[in-house]
Amino acid sequence: MSMSVIEKVDMFLYTLVSCASNREVQERFQHSGETVSKYFNEVLSVTCLLAVEIIKPVDLDFFTTPREIAIDPRYMSYLKVTLKMICDYIYLWFKKHKIMHMVVHFQYMFFF
């Protein structure tokens, strides 16, 4: 039986946001470690492709963030941490798969 896209993305985001281990995700979603790993990597791969085509932050200092979010530490701290985690995962994925032109492009987009 195939897993829905919604559940794959849900597992991916749950892992990132809660810094969950594979074992914790297995327990939460009732899937084997192999399944969790397979679909995490699948969604990560797609996210990396999106990073190049679609996800291009205009302002890393969040000057354009709505005022209600920017002044409320309940939201802003999570936003910054989540963005950093996603950027770190994408960067490491590019390095792992030796896609060096993407590493350089990614560093330019997000770190300069």
C-alpha atoms as a PDB file:
ATOM      1  CA  MET A   1       0.000   0.000   0.000  1.00  0.00           C
ATOM      2  CA  SER A   2       1.324   3.415  -0.956  1.00  0.00           C
ATOM      3  CA  MET A   3       1.612   6.260   1.527  1.00  0.00           C
ATOM      4  CA  SER A   4      -0.180   9.511   0.711  1.00  0.00           C
ATOM      5  CA  VAL A   5       1.802  12.624  -0.116  1.00  0.00           C
ATOM      6  CA  ILE A   6       0.188  14.371   2.852  1.00  0.00           C
ATOM      7  CA  GLU A   7       1.481  11.720   5.254  1.00  0.00           C
ATOM      8  CA  LYS A   8       4.972  11.807   3.722  1.00  0.00           C
ATOM      9  CA  VAL A   9       5.169  15.587   4.105  1.00  0.00           C
ATOM     10  CA  ASP A  10       3.668  15.341   7.587  1.00  0.00           C
ATOM     11  CA  MET A  11       6.390  12.887   8.659  1.00  0.00           C
ATOM     12  CA  PHE A  12       9.062  15.102   7.098  1.00  0.00           C
ATOM     13  CA  LEU A  13       7.868  18.271   8.818  1.00  0.00           C
ATOM     14  CA  TYR A  14       7.318  16.471  12.133  1.00  0.00           C
ATOM     15  CA  THR A  15      10.926  15.239  11.981  1.00  0.00           C
ATOM     16  CA  LEU A  16      12.317  18.696  11.232  1.00  0.00           C
ATOM     17  CA  VAL A  17      10.220  20.713  13.637  1.00  0.00           C
ATOM     18  CA  SER A  18      10.549  18.363  16.604  1.00  0.00           C
ATOM     19  CA  CYS A  19      14.099  17.156  15.800  1.00  0.00           C
ATOM     20  CA  ALA A  20      12.655  13.657  16.102  1.00  0.00           C
ATOM     21  CA  SER A  21      14.760  10.561  15.638  1.00  0.00           C
ATOM     22  CA  ASN A  22      13.800   7.857  13.181  1.00  0.00           C
ATOM     23  CA  ARG A  23      12.603   5.765  16.138  1.00  0.00           C
ATOM     24  CA  GLU A  24      10.329   8.557  17.388  1.00  0.00           C
ATOM     25  CA  VAL A  25       8.827   9.010  13.921  1.00  0.00           C
ATOM     26  CA  GLN A  26       8.284   5.236  13.667  1.00  0.00           C
ATOM     27  CA  GLU A  27       6.320   5.296  16.889  1.00  0.00           C
ATOM     28  CA  ARG A  28       4.331   8.413  16.043  1.00  0.00           C
ATOM     29  CA  PHE A  29       3.329   7.329  12.511  1.00  0.00           C
ATOM     30  CA  GLN A  30       3.390   3.540  12.996  1.00  0.00           C
ATOM     31  CA  HIS A  31       5.754   2.766  10.122  1.00  0.00           C
ATOM     32  CA  SER A  32       9.039   0.851   9.997  1.00  0.00           C
ATOM     33  CA  GLY A  33      12.382   2.617  10.213  1.00  0.00           C
ATOM     34  CA  GLU A  34      13.064   1.748   6.585  1.00  0.00           C
ATOM     35  CA  THR A  35       9.772   3.344   5.492  1.00  0.00           C
ATOM     36  CA  VAL A  36      10.393   6.470   7.567  1.00  0.00           C
ATOM     37  CA  SER A  37      13.886   6.857   6.134  1.00  0.00           C
ATOM     38  CA  LYS A  38      12.766   6.183   2.562  1.00  0.00           C
ATOM     39  CA  TYR A  39       9.991   8.768   2.611  1.00  0.00           C
ATOM     40  CA  PHE A  40      11.998  11.349   4.566  1.00  0.00           C
ATOM     41  CA  ASN A  41      14.692  11.184   1.878  1.00  0.00           C
ATOM     42  CA  GLU A  42      12.075  11.293  -0.878  1.00  0.00           C
ATOM     43  CA  VAL A  43      10.492  14.474   0.495  1.00  0.00           C
ATOM     44  CA  LEU A  44      13.936  15.958   1.170  1.00  0.00           C
ATOM     45  CA  SER A  45      14.925  15.342  -2.447  1.00  0.00           C
ATOM     46  CA  VAL A  46      11.816  17.088  -3.716  1.00  0.00           C
ATOM     47  CA  THR A  47      12.339  19.947  -1.259  1.00  0.00           C
ATOM     48  CA  CYS A  48      15.875  20.381  -2.552  1.00  0.00           C
ATOM     49  CA  LEU A  49      14.568  20.659  -6.088  1.00  0.00           C
ATOM     50  CA  LEU A  50      12.010  23.212  -4.920  1.00  0.00           C
ATOM     51  CA  ALA A  51      14.738  25.189  -3.190  1.00  0.00           C
ATOM     52  CA  VAL A  52      16.366  25.854  -6.514  1.00  0.00           C
ATOM     53  CA  GLU A  53      13.193  26.634  -8.446  1.00  0.00           C
ATOM     54  CA  ILE A  54      10.735  28.134  -5.990  1.00  0.00           C
ATOM     55  CA  ILE A  55      11.961  28.672  -2.441  1.00  0.00           C
ATOM     56  CA  LYS A  56      14.052  31.798  -2.721  1.00  0.00           C
ATOM     57  CA  PRO A  57      13.888  33.931   0.379  1.00  0.00           C
ATOM     58  CA  VAL A  58      14.005  37.573  -0.533  1.00  0.00           C
ATOM     59  CA  ASP A  59      14.885  38.768   2.911  1.00  0.00           C
ATOM     60  CA  LEU A  60      16.792  36.573   5.376  1.00  0.00           C
ATOM     61  CA  ASP A  61      16.585  39.268   8.055  1.00  0.00           C
ATOM     62  CA  PHE A  62      12.784  39.036   7.976  1.00  0.00           C
ATOM     63  CA  PHE A  63      12.214  42.721   7.370  1.00  0.00           C
ATOM     64  CA  THR A  64       9.141  41.806   5.315  1.00  0.00           C
ATOM     65  CA  THR A  65       7.667  39.500   7.950  1.00  0.00           C
ATOM     66  CA  PRO A  66       4.254  40.685   9.125  1.00  0.00           C
ATOM     67  CA  ARG A  67       4.630  42.872  12.190  1.00  0.00           C
ATOM     68  CA  GLU A  68       2.422  40.602  14.329  1.00  0.00           C
ATOM     69  CA  ILE A  69       4.818  37.716  13.755  1.00  0.00           C
ATOM     70  CA  ALA A  70       8.039  39.708  13.908  1.00  0.00           C
ATOM     71  CA  ILE A  71       7.333  41.195  17.345  1.00  0.00           C
ATOM     72  CA  ASP A  72       5.901  38.020  18.896  1.00  0.00           C
ATOM     73  CA  PRO A  73       8.685  35.683  20.095  1.00  0.00           C
ATOM     74  CA  ARG A  74       6.220  32.778  20.093  1.00  0.00           C
ATOM     75  CA  TYR A  75       6.213  32.832  16.288  1.00  0.00           C
ATOM     76  CA  MET A  76       9.446  34.448  15.193  1.00  0.00           C
ATOM     77  CA  SER A  77      11.763  32.119  17.081  1.00  0.00           C
ATOM     78  CA  TYR A  78      10.136  29.074  15.465  1.00  0.00           C
ATOM     79  CA  LEU A  79      10.241  30.669  12.042  1.00  0.00           C
ATOM     80  CA  LYS A  80      13.967  31.385  12.258  1.00  0.00           C
ATOM     81  CA  VAL A  81      14.812  27.951  13.681  1.00  0.00           C
ATOM     82  CA  THR A  82      12.718  26.137  11.078  1.00  0.00           C
ATOM     83  CA  LEU A  83      14.216  28.107   8.198  1.00  0.00           C
ATOM     84  CA  LYS A  84      17.736  27.417   9.463  1.00  0.00           C
ATOM     85  CA  MET A  85      17.008  23.700   9.878  1.00  0.00           C
ATOM     86  CA  ILE A  86      15.593  23.414   6.366  1.00  0.00           C
ATOM     87  CA  CYS A  87      18.563  25.300   4.912  1.00  0.00           C
ATOM     88  CA  ASP A  88      21.014  23.082   6.811  1.00  0.00           C
ATOM     89  CA  TYR A  89      19.322  19.878   5.617  1.00  0.00           C
ATOM     90  CA  ILE A  90      19.223  21.020   2.010  1.00  0.00           C
ATOM     91  CA  TYR A  91      22.858  22.135   2.121  1.00  0.00           C
ATOM     92  CA  LEU A  92      23.999  18.816   3.629  1.00  0.00           C
ATOM     93  CA  TRP A  93      21.938  16.849   1.109  1.00  0.00           C
ATOM     94  CA  PHE A  94      23.641  18.651  -1.767  1.00  0.00           C
ATOM     95  CA  LYS A  95      27.069  17.984  -0.236  1.00  0.00           C
ATOM     96  CA  LYS A  96      26.260  14.311   0.438  1.00  0.00           C
ATOM     97  CA  HIS A  97      25.219  13.731  -3.140  1.00  0.00           C
ATOM     98  CA  LYS A  98      28.234  15.679  -4.418  1.00  0.00           C
ATOM     99  CA  ILE A  99      26.167  18.140  -6.380  1.00  0.00           C
ATOM    100  CA  MET A 100      28.796  20.812  -5.988  1.00  0.00           C
ATOM    101  CA  HIS A 101      27.320  23.333  -8.407  1.00  0.00           C
ATOM    102  CA  MET A 102      24.141  23.211  -6.297  1.00  0.00           C
ATOM    103  CA  VAL A 103      26.150  23.649  -3.086  1.00  0.00           C
ATOM    104  CA  VAL A 104      27.756  26.787  -4.489  1.00  0.00           C
ATOM    105  CA  HIS A 105      24.407  28.071  -5.790  1.00  0.00           C
ATOM    106  CA  PHE A 106      22.712  27.300  -2.468  1.00  0.00           C
ATOM    107  CA  GLN A 107      25.436  29.026  -0.452  1.00  0.00           C
ATOM    108  CA  TYR A 108      25.128  32.090  -2.662  1.00  0.00           C
ATOM    109  CA  MET A 109      21.330  32.209  -2.350  1.00  0.00           C
ATOM    110  CA  PHE A 110      21.132  31.754   1.411  1.00  0.00           C
ATOM    111  CA  PHE A 111      24.393  32.908   2.927  1.00  0.00           C
ATOM    112  CA  PHE A 112      25.419  36.002   0.984  1.00  0.00           C
END
